[in-house]
Protein backbone atom coordinates (compact mmCIF):
# COMPACT_ATOMS: atom_id res chain seq x y z
CA UNK A 1 3.21 -73.91 -18.29
CA UNK A 2 1.30 -71.96 -15.70
CA UNK A 3 -2.34 -70.97 -15.89
CA UNK A 4 -1.26 -67.41 -16.60
CA UNK A 5 0.83 -68.51 -19.60
CA UNK A 6 -2.06 -70.44 -21.09
CA UNK A 7 -4.39 -67.47 -20.51
CA UNK A 8 -1.95 -65.17 -22.28
CA UNK A 9 -1.72 -67.69 -25.12
CA UNK A 10 -5.49 -67.81 -25.37
CA UNK A 11 -5.67 -64.02 -25.52
CA UNK A 12 -3.21 -64.02 -28.41
CA UNK A 13 -4.74 -67.09 -30.04
CA UNK A 14 -1.55 -69.12 -29.79
CA UNK A 15 -2.10 -72.86 -29.56
CA UNK A 16 -5.83 -72.52 -28.85
CA UNK A 17 -8.27 -73.69 -31.50
CA UNK A 18 -11.94 -72.97 -31.99
CA UNK A 19 -14.54 -75.73 -32.26
CA UNK A 20 -14.31 -75.35 -36.05
CA UNK A 21 -10.55 -75.91 -36.02
CA UNK A 22 -9.41 -72.34 -36.74
CA UNK A 23 -7.18 -70.31 -34.46
CA UNK A 24 -9.31 -68.97 -31.61
CA UNK A 25 -9.27 -65.29 -30.69
CA UNK A 26 -12.26 -64.47 -28.48
CA UNK A 27 -13.50 -66.09 -25.26
CA UNK A 28 -17.25 -65.84 -24.79
CA UNK A 29 -19.29 -67.46 -22.03
CA UNK A 30 -16.57 -69.97 -21.26
CA UNK A 31 -15.91 -70.91 -24.90
CA UNK A 32 -12.92 -69.81 -26.97
CA UNK A 33 -14.01 -69.00 -30.52
CA UNK A 34 -12.60 -67.68 -33.79
CA UNK A 35 -14.06 -64.46 -35.15
CA UNK A 36 -16.40 -66.23 -37.58
CA UNK A 37 -17.91 -68.49 -34.91
CA UNK A 38 -18.17 -65.52 -32.54
CA UNK A 39 -20.13 -63.55 -35.16
CA UNK A 40 -22.37 -66.56 -35.77
CA UNK A 41 -22.96 -67.02 -32.04
CA UNK A 42 -23.75 -63.34 -31.47
CA UNK A 43 -26.11 -63.26 -34.46
CA UNK A 44 -28.00 -66.18 -32.92
CA UNK A 45 -28.27 -64.34 -29.58
CA UNK A 46 -29.07 -60.85 -30.86
CA UNK A 47 -31.37 -61.76 -33.76
CA UNK A 48 -32.89 -65.21 -33.20
CA UNK A 49 -35.74 -64.69 -35.71
CA UNK A 50 -33.41 -63.49 -38.45
CA UNK A 51 -31.06 -66.39 -37.77
CA UNK A 52 -33.95 -68.87 -37.89
CA UNK A 53 -35.09 -67.47 -41.25
CA UNK A 54 -31.56 -67.67 -42.63
CA UNK A 55 -31.16 -71.26 -41.43
CA UNK A 56 -34.53 -72.22 -42.94
CA UNK A 57 -33.45 -70.80 -46.32
CA UNK A 58 -30.21 -72.78 -46.08
CA UNK A 59 -32.14 -75.97 -45.33
CA UNK A 60 -34.51 -75.43 -48.27
CA UNK A 61 -31.52 -74.88 -50.59
CA UNK A 62 -29.89 -78.05 -49.27
CA UNK A 63 -33.07 -80.09 -49.79
CA UNK A 64 -33.50 -78.66 -53.31
CA UNK A 65 -29.90 -79.50 -54.12
CA UNK A 66 -30.35 -83.10 -52.93
CA UNK A 67 -33.51 -83.73 -54.91
CA UNK A 68 -32.34 -81.93 -58.04
CA UNK A 69 -29.13 -83.96 -58.17
CA UNK A 70 -31.05 -87.27 -57.80
CA UNK A 71 -33.41 -86.61 -60.70
């Protein structure tokens, strides 16, 4: 397979997987990502404060879930 064939396959998402294991569709900054990971990555870049707040809420929920299930 030539480099061109693998590039065409990456553009179509054939045989290329994202870091999460799904079929990859978009190449961004040297990484090939699925649409969900691409959206997550762009949200982190375009709205870092909003992403930090969302992640903090997720962490608080996770901690609450851990301590509520122990008790």
